[in-house]
């Protein structure tokens, strides 16, 4: 085996490892954002981010938007708005 073949295998392995790392990071991103923003359903957003990993990231933008959406607090009668 020549040095060029060895170099090609090293490049291929580095590309595969970096691709897996990027995919895992993208799956974790909505959950990390939701936890940082103290989202009331942060755990559900985290699960949604990981589920999209198995669905080919088809619904990943929905999970990302959900991580940023704040649920408005329900106002009870008699509570002052702040």
Protein backbone atom coordinates (compact mmCIF):
# COMPACT_ATOMS: atom_id res chain seq x y z
CA UNK A 1 0.00 0.00 0.00
CA UNK A 2 1.37 3.38 -0.95
CA UNK A 3 1.52 6.54 1.13
CA UNK A 4 -1.21 8.04 -1.01
CA UNK A 5 -3.56 5.16 -0.15
CA UNK A 6 -2.85 5.56 3.56
CA UNK A 7 -3.42 9.31 3.31
CA UNK A 8 -6.73 8.71 1.48
CA UNK A 9 -7.91 6.35 4.25
CA UNK A 10 -6.96 8.87 6.93
CA UNK A 11 -8.89 11.62 5.12
CA UNK A 12 -11.91 9.32 4.72
CA UNK A 13 -11.92 8.43 8.43
CA UNK A 14 -11.61 12.10 9.44
CA UNK A 15 -14.51 13.02 7.14
CA UNK A 16 -16.71 10.24 8.56
CA UNK A 17 -15.95 11.18 12.17
CA UNK A 18 -16.57 14.88 11.54
CA UNK A 19 -19.85 14.12 9.75
CA UNK A 20 -21.07 12.06 12.70
CA UNK A 21 -20.02 14.82 15.10
CA UNK A 22 -21.93 17.47 13.13
CA UNK A 23 -25.07 15.30 12.95
CA UNK A 24 -24.97 14.64 16.70
CA UNK A 25 -24.43 18.34 17.42
CA UNK A 26 -27.39 19.29 15.23
CA UNK A 27 -29.57 16.72 17.03
CA UNK A 28 -28.56 18.20 20.40
CA UNK A 29 -28.93 21.86 19.38
CA UNK A 30 -32.70 22.39 19.92
CA UNK A 31 -32.51 20.82 23.39
CA UNK A 32 -29.51 22.90 24.39
CA UNK A 33 -31.22 26.09 23.27
CA UNK A 34 -34.45 25.20 25.10
CA UNK A 35 -32.59 24.44 28.34
CA UNK A 36 -30.60 27.66 28.10
CA UNK A 37 -33.78 29.69 27.59
CA UNK A 38 -35.59 27.85 30.45
CA UNK A 39 -38.27 26.58 28.10
CA UNK A 40 -41.17 24.99 30.02
CA UNK A 41 -41.01 21.89 27.78
CA UNK A 42 -37.24 21.68 27.38
CA UNK A 43 -37.20 17.90 27.75
CA UNK A 44 -39.78 17.50 24.98
CA UNK A 45 -37.77 19.78 22.70
CA UNK A 46 -34.67 17.67 23.44
CA UNK A 47 -36.52 14.48 22.51
CA UNK A 48 -37.86 16.13 19.36
CA UNK A 49 -34.33 17.06 18.33
CA UNK A 50 -33.13 13.47 18.73
CA UNK A 51 -36.20 11.99 17.02
CA UNK A 52 -35.49 14.10 13.95
CA UNK A 53 -32.12 12.38 13.78
CA UNK A 54 -33.91 9.15 12.89
CA UNK A 55 -36.31 10.91 10.50
CA UNK A 56 -33.53 12.37 8.40
CA UNK A 57 -33.82 15.86 9.91
CA UNK A 58 -37.12 16.43 8.06
CA UNK A 59 -38.74 18.03 11.13
CA UNK A 60 -35.56 19.50 12.63
CA UNK A 61 -36.52 23.11 11.79
CA UNK A 62 -39.78 22.61 13.71
CA UNK A 63 -37.86 21.45 16.79
CA UNK A 64 -35.49 24.40 16.47
CA UNK A 65 -38.35 26.89 16.20
CA UNK A 66 -40.06 25.22 19.17
CA UNK A 67 -36.89 25.76 21.23
CA UNK A 68 -37.15 29.51 20.63
CA UNK A 69 -40.92 29.89 21.09
CA UNK A 70 -41.90 31.04 24.55
CA UNK A 71 -45.29 29.88 25.72
CA UNK A 72 -47.25 32.87 27.02
CA UNK A 73 -48.30 32.62 30.63
CA UNK A 74 -52.03 32.27 31.22
CA UNK A 75 -53.45 35.33 32.96
CA UNK A 76 -55.99 34.62 35.68
CA UNK A 77 -58.82 36.99 36.46
CA UNK A 78 -57.64 39.61 38.91
CA UNK A 79 -53.91 39.30 38.11
CA UNK A 80 -52.22 42.48 37.04
CA UNK A 81 -50.29 42.40 33.80
CA UNK A 82 -46.62 43.16 34.26
